[in-house]
N, C-alpha and C. Protein backbone atom coordinates (compact mmCIF):
# COMPACT_ATOMS: atom_id res chain seq x y z
N MET A 1 -1.90 11.89 -31.82
CA MET A 1 -0.68 11.28 -31.32
C MET A 1 -0.38 11.82 -29.93
N VAL A 2 -0.08 10.95 -29.01
CA VAL A 2 0.24 11.33 -27.64
C VAL A 2 1.68 11.80 -27.58
N GLN A 3 1.87 12.98 -26.99
CA GLN A 3 3.23 13.50 -26.86
C GLN A 3 3.89 12.90 -25.62
N LYS A 4 5.09 12.39 -25.78
CA LYS A 4 5.81 11.81 -24.65
C LYS A 4 6.32 12.90 -23.73
N ARG A 5 6.32 12.60 -22.44
CA ARG A 5 6.86 13.54 -21.46
C ARG A 5 8.38 13.40 -21.40
N THR A 6 9.05 14.49 -21.14
CA THR A 6 10.50 14.47 -21.02
C THR A 6 10.89 13.95 -19.64
N PHE A 7 12.16 13.60 -19.48
CA PHE A 7 12.65 13.16 -18.18
C PHE A 7 12.39 14.23 -17.13
N LEU A 8 12.63 15.48 -17.48
CA LEU A 8 12.41 16.58 -16.54
C LEU A 8 10.95 16.65 -16.11
N GLN A 9 10.03 16.51 -17.04
CA GLN A 9 8.60 16.54 -16.71
C GLN A 9 8.22 15.38 -15.79
N LEU A 10 8.73 14.20 -16.09
CA LEU A 10 8.44 13.03 -15.26
C LEU A 10 8.96 13.25 -13.83
N ARG A 11 10.17 13.75 -13.72
CA ARG A 11 10.77 13.96 -12.40
C ARG A 11 10.02 15.04 -11.62
N GLU A 12 9.55 16.06 -12.30
CA GLU A 12 8.75 17.11 -11.64
C GLU A 12 7.45 16.52 -11.10
N HIS A 13 6.79 15.67 -11.88
CA HIS A 13 5.56 15.01 -11.42
C HIS A 13 5.83 14.16 -10.18
N ILE A 14 6.92 13.43 -10.20
CA ILE A 14 7.26 12.57 -9.06
C ILE A 14 7.55 13.40 -7.82
N ILE A 15 8.33 14.45 -7.97
CA ILE A 15 8.67 15.30 -6.83
C ILE A 15 7.42 15.94 -6.24
N HIS A 16 6.57 16.46 -7.08
CA HIS A 16 5.35 17.11 -6.58
C HIS A 16 4.41 16.09 -5.94
N ASN A 17 4.40 14.87 -6.44
CA ASN A 17 3.57 13.84 -5.82
C ASN A 17 4.11 13.47 -4.44
N LEU A 18 5.42 13.39 -4.30
CA LEU A 18 6.03 13.06 -3.01
C LEU A 18 5.90 14.20 -2.00
N ALA A 19 5.55 15.39 -2.47
CA ALA A 19 5.35 16.51 -1.55
C ALA A 19 4.21 16.24 -0.58
N ALA A 20 3.30 15.34 -0.94
CA ALA A 20 2.17 15.00 -0.07
C ALA A 20 2.57 14.05 1.06
N GLY A 21 3.77 13.50 1.01
CA GLY A 21 4.22 12.60 2.06
C GLY A 21 4.93 11.38 1.52
N ARG A 22 5.26 10.47 2.44
CA ARG A 22 5.98 9.24 2.08
C ARG A 22 5.11 8.34 1.23
N LYS A 23 5.75 7.75 0.20
CA LYS A 23 5.02 6.86 -0.70
C LYS A 23 5.96 5.83 -1.31
N THR A 24 5.37 4.72 -1.74
CA THR A 24 6.11 3.71 -2.49
C THR A 24 6.09 4.11 -3.97
N ALA A 25 6.94 3.46 -4.75
CA ALA A 25 6.94 3.72 -6.20
C ALA A 25 5.58 3.37 -6.80
N ASN A 26 4.95 2.32 -6.30
CA ASN A 26 3.63 1.92 -6.81
C ASN A 26 2.58 2.99 -6.52
N GLN A 27 2.63 3.59 -5.34
CA GLN A 27 1.68 4.65 -5.01
C GLN A 27 1.88 5.86 -5.92
N VAL A 28 3.14 6.25 -6.11
CA VAL A 28 3.44 7.38 -6.99
C VAL A 28 2.95 7.07 -8.40
N SER A 29 3.19 5.86 -8.85
CA SER A 29 2.76 5.44 -10.18
C SER A 29 1.25 5.55 -10.35
N ALA A 30 0.51 5.04 -9.38
CA ALA A 30 -0.95 5.05 -9.45
C ALA A 30 -1.51 6.48 -9.45
N GLU A 31 -0.86 7.36 -8.70
CA GLU A 31 -1.37 8.72 -8.57
C GLU A 31 -0.95 9.64 -9.71
N THR A 32 0.15 9.32 -10.39
CA THR A 32 0.64 10.20 -11.46
C THR A 32 0.37 9.66 -12.85
N GLY A 33 0.07 8.38 -12.96
CA GLY A 33 -0.12 7.78 -14.28
C GLY A 33 1.19 7.45 -14.98
N ILE A 34 2.28 7.45 -14.23
CA ILE A 34 3.60 7.09 -14.76
C ILE A 34 3.82 5.62 -14.38
N GLY A 35 4.31 4.82 -15.29
CA GLY A 35 4.55 3.41 -15.00
C GLY A 35 5.47 3.22 -13.81
N TRP A 36 5.23 2.15 -13.03
CA TRP A 36 6.00 1.98 -11.80
C TRP A 36 7.49 1.76 -12.06
N LYS A 37 7.83 1.09 -13.16
CA LYS A 37 9.25 0.90 -13.49
C LYS A 37 9.91 2.24 -13.80
N THR A 38 9.18 3.10 -14.50
CA THR A 38 9.71 4.42 -14.83
C THR A 38 9.88 5.24 -13.55
N VAL A 39 8.89 5.17 -12.66
CA VAL A 39 9.01 5.89 -11.37
C VAL A 39 10.24 5.39 -10.63
N ALA A 40 10.40 4.07 -10.54
CA ALA A 40 11.53 3.50 -9.81
C ALA A 40 12.87 3.97 -10.38
N LYS A 41 12.97 4.01 -11.69
CA LYS A 41 14.22 4.46 -12.32
C LYS A 41 14.48 5.95 -12.06
N HIS A 42 13.45 6.76 -12.11
CA HIS A 42 13.64 8.19 -11.89
C HIS A 42 13.89 8.50 -10.41
N VAL A 43 13.33 7.70 -9.53
CA VAL A 43 13.61 7.89 -8.10
C VAL A 43 15.09 7.64 -7.82
N ILE A 44 15.69 6.69 -8.51
CA ILE A 44 17.13 6.46 -8.36
C ILE A 44 17.89 7.73 -8.71
N HIS A 45 17.52 8.36 -9.82
CA HIS A 45 18.17 9.61 -10.21
C HIS A 45 17.92 10.70 -9.16
N LEU A 46 16.69 10.83 -8.71
CA LEU A 46 16.34 11.87 -7.74
C LEU A 46 17.04 11.65 -6.40
N ARG A 47 17.26 10.40 -6.04
CA ARG A 47 18.04 10.13 -4.82
C ARG A 47 19.48 10.58 -5.01
N GLY A 48 20.02 10.34 -6.20
CA GLY A 48 21.39 10.75 -6.49
C GLY A 48 21.58 12.25 -6.47
N THR A 49 20.54 12.99 -6.81
CA THR A 49 20.63 14.45 -6.80
C THR A 49 20.32 15.05 -5.42
N GLY A 50 19.90 14.19 -4.49
CA GLY A 50 19.64 14.66 -3.14
C GLY A 50 18.24 15.22 -2.91
N LEU A 51 17.33 15.02 -3.85
CA LEU A 51 15.97 15.55 -3.70
C LEU A 51 15.03 14.56 -3.03
N VAL A 52 15.33 13.27 -3.12
CA VAL A 52 14.49 12.22 -2.56
C VAL A 52 15.38 11.29 -1.75
N LYS A 53 14.81 10.75 -0.66
CA LYS A 53 15.56 9.78 0.13
C LYS A 53 14.69 8.58 0.43
N LEU A 54 15.35 7.48 0.72
CA LEU A 54 14.69 6.25 1.13
C LEU A 54 14.38 6.39 2.61
N SER A 55 13.11 6.30 2.99
CA SER A 55 12.77 6.47 4.40
C SER A 55 12.47 5.14 5.10
N PHE A 56 12.17 4.09 4.33
CA PHE A 56 11.89 2.78 4.93
C PHE A 56 12.04 1.70 3.87
N THR A 57 12.58 0.57 4.30
CA THR A 57 12.62 -0.60 3.43
C THR A 57 12.56 -1.84 4.32
N ASN A 58 11.90 -2.88 3.83
CA ASN A 58 11.84 -4.13 4.58
C ASN A 58 12.17 -5.33 3.70
N GLY A 59 12.73 -5.11 2.56
CA GLY A 59 13.05 -6.19 1.64
C GLY A 59 11.98 -6.42 0.60
N TYR A 60 10.74 -6.06 0.90
CA TYR A 60 9.64 -6.24 -0.04
C TYR A 60 9.19 -4.92 -0.67
N MET A 61 9.39 -3.84 0.05
CA MET A 61 8.99 -2.54 -0.48
C MET A 61 9.93 -1.46 0.02
N LYS A 62 9.94 -0.37 -0.73
CA LYS A 62 10.74 0.79 -0.37
C LYS A 62 9.81 1.99 -0.33
N VAL A 63 9.97 2.80 0.71
CA VAL A 63 9.16 3.99 0.86
C VAL A 63 10.09 5.19 0.72
N PHE A 64 9.66 6.16 -0.09
CA PHE A 64 10.48 7.33 -0.38
C PHE A 64 9.81 8.59 0.14
N GLU A 65 10.64 9.59 0.39
CA GLU A 65 10.13 10.90 0.78
C GLU A 65 11.10 11.97 0.29
N LEU A 66 10.63 13.20 0.28
CA LEU A 66 11.48 14.31 -0.13
C LEU A 66 12.48 14.64 0.97
N THR A 67 13.66 15.04 0.57
CA THR A 67 14.64 15.57 1.51
C THR A 67 14.31 17.04 1.75
N ASP A 68 15.05 17.69 2.62
CA ASP A 68 14.85 19.12 2.83
C ASP A 68 15.08 19.89 1.53
N GLN A 69 16.08 19.46 0.77
CA GLN A 69 16.37 20.07 -0.53
C GLN A 69 15.20 19.89 -1.49
N GLY A 70 14.61 18.71 -1.49
CA GLY A 70 13.45 18.42 -2.32
C GLY A 70 12.24 19.27 -1.92
N LYS A 71 12.06 19.44 -0.61
CA LYS A 71 10.95 20.26 -0.11
C LYS A 71 11.12 21.71 -0.53
N GLU A 72 12.37 22.19 -0.49
CA GLU A 72 12.64 23.56 -0.95
C GLU A 72 12.27 23.72 -2.42
N LYS A 73 12.59 22.70 -3.21
CA LYS A 73 12.33 22.76 -4.65
C LYS A 73 10.85 22.92 -4.94
N VAL A 74 9.98 22.27 -4.15
CA VAL A 74 8.54 22.37 -4.39
C VAL A 74 7.90 23.47 -3.54
N GLY A 75 8.70 24.15 -2.73
CA GLY A 75 8.20 25.29 -1.96
C GLY A 75 7.52 24.93 -0.65
N ILE A 76 7.91 23.81 -0.05
CA ILE A 76 7.31 23.40 1.24
C ILE A 76 8.02 24.07 2.40
N VAL A 77 9.35 24.12 2.38
CA VAL A 77 10.11 24.64 3.52
C VAL A 77 10.20 26.14 3.45
């Protein structure tokens, strides 16, 4: 039986994936194995906590990146 990941584990995977640079939810999904809808929902939460920000949008896609606070969390800054 496959053990489900907790919200905290999913968010940690997303944050660490975004540490490599700006990405869309689809890119994060492909690289982490987390469904894109799940990534999109957790990115909303991470934006609310100030760890992730929207860096670009054109109506068709959204690109996200870590904030300074997010970078501190993963040990970049």
